[in-house]
């Protein structure tokens, strides 16, 4: 199967190939059991097989593809997979928030900057910039928490969530409610109201999980 993609000519080719394949897998445009042939991917992306192998290894570590006796195949994402990802994230991020709350020297300014960027993107109706600021906002909880291994787990899963967030924000006609949900989490955290902050975070992630599953079902149906 030949893919309609733009050949890559810059550095970090393995990561860029992984990013594009991840996007196609998450959106259901590369369905489960699709055979990913190195030679064909090399031609599609205009790169050597080295970056292709790097990309496939990365995606296998993320659980999006798997190596079988006859090559590498797409595992894909089911509704259950998405629910698992978000439940895992809820557990990790709740722990991160608790650690943030325990830090008396926490600097919230970068979170406010990310929130400002989300509001500006919502005003402009720019889903792409909103998704970038959204993920940066959540990533900062892990950074502020100061837990190295927790941060490592988040970084392993962050690329998949980046693709998921891009899908849900592109679907939203009004991004302001999402921005204000983030604002509520931050306000409660700053005020030391950790349990209400965790409740708001749980509702926020539950909503994201539900909207993601709805959006992906629509994308899969449209691609058939």
Protein backbone atom coordinates (compact mmCIF):
# COMPACT_ATOMS: atom_id res chain seq x y z
CA UNK A 1 0.00 0.00 0.00
CA UNK A 2 1.46 3.35 -1.06
CA UNK A 3 0.90 6.30 1.31
CA UNK A 4 0.19 9.85 0.23
CA UNK A 5 2.83 11.57 2.35
CA UNK A 6 5.42 14.30 1.85
CA UNK A 7 9.01 12.97 1.54
CA UNK A 8 11.20 14.01 4.48
CA UNK A 9 14.59 15.62 3.91
CA UNK A 10 15.48 17.09 7.33
CA UNK A 11 17.11 15.83 10.53
CA UNK A 12 15.52 13.59 13.16
CA UNK A 13 13.98 11.57 10.37
CA UNK A 14 13.09 8.59 12.53
CA UNK A 15 11.03 10.76 14.87
CA UNK A 16 9.31 12.52 11.97
CA UNK A 17 8.42 9.22 10.33
CA UNK A 18 7.11 7.95 13.67
CA UNK A 19 5.06 11.12 14.11
CA UNK A 20 3.39 10.73 10.72
CA UNK A 21 2.73 7.00 11.11
CA UNK A 22 1.40 7.58 14.63
CA UNK A 23 -1.02 10.19 13.30
CA UNK A 24 -2.29 7.80 10.63
CA UNK A 25 -2.67 4.95 13.13
CA UNK A 26 -4.46 7.04 15.76
CA UNK A 27 -6.84 8.44 13.14
CA UNK A 28 -7.60 4.93 11.88
CA UNK A 29 -6.17 5.61 8.42
CA UNK A 30 -3.74 2.74 8.99
CA UNK A 31 -6.08 0.12 10.46
CA UNK A 32 -5.14 -2.83 12.65
CA UNK A 33 -3.25 -5.65 10.91
CA UNK A 34 -1.89 -3.39 8.17
CA UNK A 35 1.50 -4.77 7.13
CA UNK A 36 4.15 -2.03 7.32
CA UNK A 37 6.82 -2.93 4.76
CA UNK A 38 10.16 -1.17 5.28
CA UNK A 39 10.95 -0.91 1.57
CA UNK A 40 7.58 0.66 0.74
CA UNK A 41 7.75 3.07 3.69
CA UNK A 42 11.26 4.07 2.64
CA UNK A 43 9.92 4.97 -0.79
CA UNK A 44 6.84 6.75 0.58
CA UNK A 45 8.84 8.97 2.93
CA UNK A 46 11.87 9.40 0.70
CA UNK A 47 14.34 8.23 3.36
CA UNK A 48 16.62 5.24 3.86
CA UNK A 49 15.50 2.20 5.84
CA UNK A 50 17.41 3.32 8.96
CA UNK A 51 14.89 6.02 9.97
CA UNK A 52 12.05 3.65 9.09
CA UNK A 53 13.42 1.03 11.48
CA UNK A 54 13.90 3.69 14.18
CA UNK A 55 10.30 4.82 13.73
CA UNK A 56 8.89 1.29 13.88
CA UNK A 57 10.88 0.52 17.04
CA UNK A 58 9.52 3.67 18.64
CA UNK A 59 5.94 2.83 17.69
CA UNK A 60 6.36 -0.74 18.94
CA UNK A 61 7.48 0.61 22.32
CA UNK A 62 4.30 2.71 22.37
CA UNK A 63 2.20 -0.37 21.61
CA UNK A 64 0.92 0.92 18.25
CA UNK A 65 2.67 -1.70 16.10
CA UNK A 66 4.05 -5.17 16.74
CA UNK A 67 6.62 -7.45 15.17
CA UNK A 68 5.35 -10.81 13.97
CA UNK A 69 7.06 -13.66 12.16
CA UNK A 70 6.36 -12.06 8.77
CA UNK A 71 7.14 -8.44 9.60
CA UNK A 72 5.69 -5.43 11.40
CA UNK A 73 1.95 -4.90 11.66
CA UNK A 74 -0.30 -2.14 12.99
CA UNK A 75 -1.94 -2.91 16.33
CA UNK A 76 -4.06 0.23 16.21
CA UNK A 77 -6.25 1.74 18.89
CA UNK A 78 -9.62 0.40 19.97
CA UNK A 79 -12.08 2.15 22.29
CA UNK A 80 -10.71 -0.03 25.09
CA UNK A 81 -7.15 1.06 24.28
CA UNK A 82 -8.13 4.72 24.46
CA UNK A 83 -9.97 4.17 27.74
CA UNK A 84 -6.87 2.42 29.13
CA UNK A 85 -4.59 5.25 28.02
CA UNK A 86 -6.74 7.88 29.69
CA UNK A 87 -7.21 5.87 32.89
CA UNK A 88 -3.43 5.45 33.08
CA UNK A 89 -2.96 9.16 32.48
CA UNK A 90 -5.52 10.01 35.18
CA UNK A 91 -3.54 7.92 37.67
CA UNK A 92 -0.20 9.44 36.68
CA UNK A 93 -1.44 13.01 36.53
CA UNK A 94 -3.28 12.80 39.84
CA UNK A 95 -0.03 11.71 41.46
CA UNK A 96 1.79 14.56 39.70
CA UNK A 97 -0.75 17.09 41.01
CA UNK A 98 -0.33 15.82 44.55
CA UNK A 99 3.44 16.20 44.25
CA UNK A 100 3.00 19.70 42.82
CA UNK A 101 0.75 20.66 45.74
CA UNK A 102 3.40 19.45 48.21
CA UNK A 103 6.02 21.77 46.74
CA UNK A 104 6.07 25.07 48.57
CA UNK A 105 8.38 26.57 45.95
CA UNK A 106 6.27 25.63 42.91
CA UNK A 107 6.41 28.20 40.11
CA UNK A 108 3.02 28.37 38.41
CA UNK A 109 3.99 31.07 35.91
CA UNK A 110 4.63 28.65 33.03
CA UNK A 111 1.22 27.06 33.59
CA UNK A 112 -0.37 30.50 33.40
CA UNK A 113 1.57 31.18 30.19
CA UNK A 114 0.30 27.93 28.65
CA UNK A 115 -3.23 28.81 29.77
CA UNK A 116 -2.92 32.26 28.17
CA UNK A 117 -1.83 30.56 24.93
CA UNK A 118 -4.85 28.26 25.09
CA UNK A 119 -7.21 31.20 25.55
CA UNK A 120 -5.58 33.09 22.68
CA UNK A 121 -5.86 30.04 20.43
CA UNK A 122 -9.50 29.59 21.45
CA UNK A 123 -10.19 33.24 20.57
CA UNK A 124 -8.55 32.70 17.17
CA UNK A 125 -10.24 29.35 16.61
CA UNK A 126 -6.77 27.81 16.11
CA UNK A 127 -7.09 24.15 17.07
CA UNK A 128 -3.46 23.34 16.24
CA UNK A 129 -2.01 25.98 18.57
CA UNK A 130 -4.55 25.09 21.22
CA UNK A 131 -3.46 21.44 21.15
CA UNK A 132 0.19 22.45 21.54
CA UNK A 133 -0.57 24.69 24.53
CA UNK A 134 -2.91 22.07 26.03
CA UNK A 135 -0.25 19.37 26.04
CA UNK A 136 2.37 21.81 27.34
CA UNK A 137 0.05 22.73 30.24
CA UNK A 138 -0.33 19.10 31.30
CA UNK A 139 3.34 18.26 30.77
CA UNK A 140 4.28 21.03 33.19
CA UNK A 141 2.56 19.19 36.05
CA UNK A 142 5.06 16.37 35.58
CA UNK A 143 7.98 18.78 35.39
CA UNK A 144 6.96 20.71 38.50
CA UNK A 145 6.35 17.45 40.39
CA UNK A 146 10.09 16.76 40.19
CA UNK A 147 9.71 12.97 40.00
CA UNK A 148 12.16 11.67 37.42
CA UNK A 149 10.62 8.26 36.84
CA UNK A 150 7.10 9.66 36.68
CA UNK A 151 8.31 12.11 34.05
CA UNK A 152 9.91 9.26 32.08
CA UNK A 153 6.59 7.35 31.97
CA UNK A 154 4.78 10.47 30.78
CA UNK A 155 7.35 11.08 28.05
CA UNK A 156 6.85 7.52 26.79
CA UNK A 157 3.11 8.14 26.40
CA UNK A 158 3.15 11.83 25.47
CA UNK A 159 3.52 11.30 21.68
CA UNK A 160 0.35 9.22 21.53
CA UNK A 161 -1.55 11.78 23.58
CA UNK A 162 -0.26 14.53 21.30
CA UNK A 163 -1.95 12.81 18.36
CA UNK A 164 -5.13 12.23 20.38
CA UNK A 165 -5.35 15.86 21.52
CA UNK A 166 -4.92 17.08 17.96
CA UNK A 167 -7.94 15.03 16.91
CA UNK A 168 -10.24 16.22 19.71
CA UNK A 169 -9.32 19.90 19.44
CA UNK A 170 -9.80 19.86 15.66
CA UNK A 171 -13.32 18.54 16.29
CA UNK A 172 -14.34 21.19 18.84
CA UNK A 173 -16.23 24.17 17.45
CA UNK A 174 -15.59 26.21 20.63
CA UNK A 175 -12.35 25.69 22.53
CA UNK A 176 -13.13 28.16 25.34
CA UNK A 177 -14.82 25.59 27.66
CA UNK A 178 -11.73 23.40 27.48
CA UNK A 179 -9.47 26.36 28.28
CA UNK A 180 -11.60 27.25 31.31
CA UNK A 181 -11.52 23.65 32.53
CA UNK A 182 -7.72 23.93 32.59
CA UNK A 183 -8.03 27.27 34.38
CA UNK A 184 -10.20 25.69 37.08
CA UNK A 185 -7.62 22.95 37.72
CA UNK A 186 -4.83 25.51 38.05
CA UNK A 187 -6.85 27.86 40.28
CA UNK A 188 -7.73 25.07 42.69
CA UNK A 189 -4.17 23.79 42.75
CA UNK A 190 -2.79 27.25 43.51
CA UNK A 191 -5.33 27.69 46.31
CA UNK A 192 -4.22 24.43 47.90
CA UNK A 193 -7.58 22.76 47.18
CA UNK A 194 -6.01 19.51 46.05
CA UNK A 195 -9.07 17.22 46.31
CA UNK A 196 -11.33 19.56 44.28
CA UNK A 197 -8.45 19.98 41.81
CA UNK A 198 -8.23 16.22 41.42
CA UNK A 199 -11.99 16.01 40.94
CA UNK A 200 -11.80 18.66 38.20
CA UNK A 201 -8.88 16.86 36.57
CA UNK A 202 -10.78 13.56 36.60
CA UNK A 203 -13.83 15.16 34.97
CA UNK A 204 -11.57 16.88 32.41
CA UNK A 205 -9.81 13.66 31.40
CA UNK A 206 -13.06 11.64 31.39
CA UNK A 207 -14.52 14.17 28.98
CA UNK A 208 -11.42 14.05 26.81
CA UNK A 209 -11.53 10.25 26.70
CA UNK A 210 -15.19 10.22 25.72
CA UNK A 211 -14.77 12.87 23.02
CA UNK A 212 -11.70 11.10 21.68
CA UNK A 213 -13.54 7.82 21.26
CA UNK A 214 -16.44 9.58 19.55
CA UNK A 215 -14.10 11.48 17.23
CA UNK A 216 -12.08 8.43 16.31
CA UNK A 217 -15.17 6.39 15.51
CA UNK A 218 -16.26 9.16 13.14
CA UNK A 219 -12.83 9.21 11.48
CA UNK A 220 -12.77 5.43 11.06
CA UNK A 221 -16.29 5.42 9.61
CA UNK A 222 -15.38 8.20 7.21
CA UNK A 223 -12.29 6.33 5.97
CA UNK A 224 -14.21 3.17 5.09
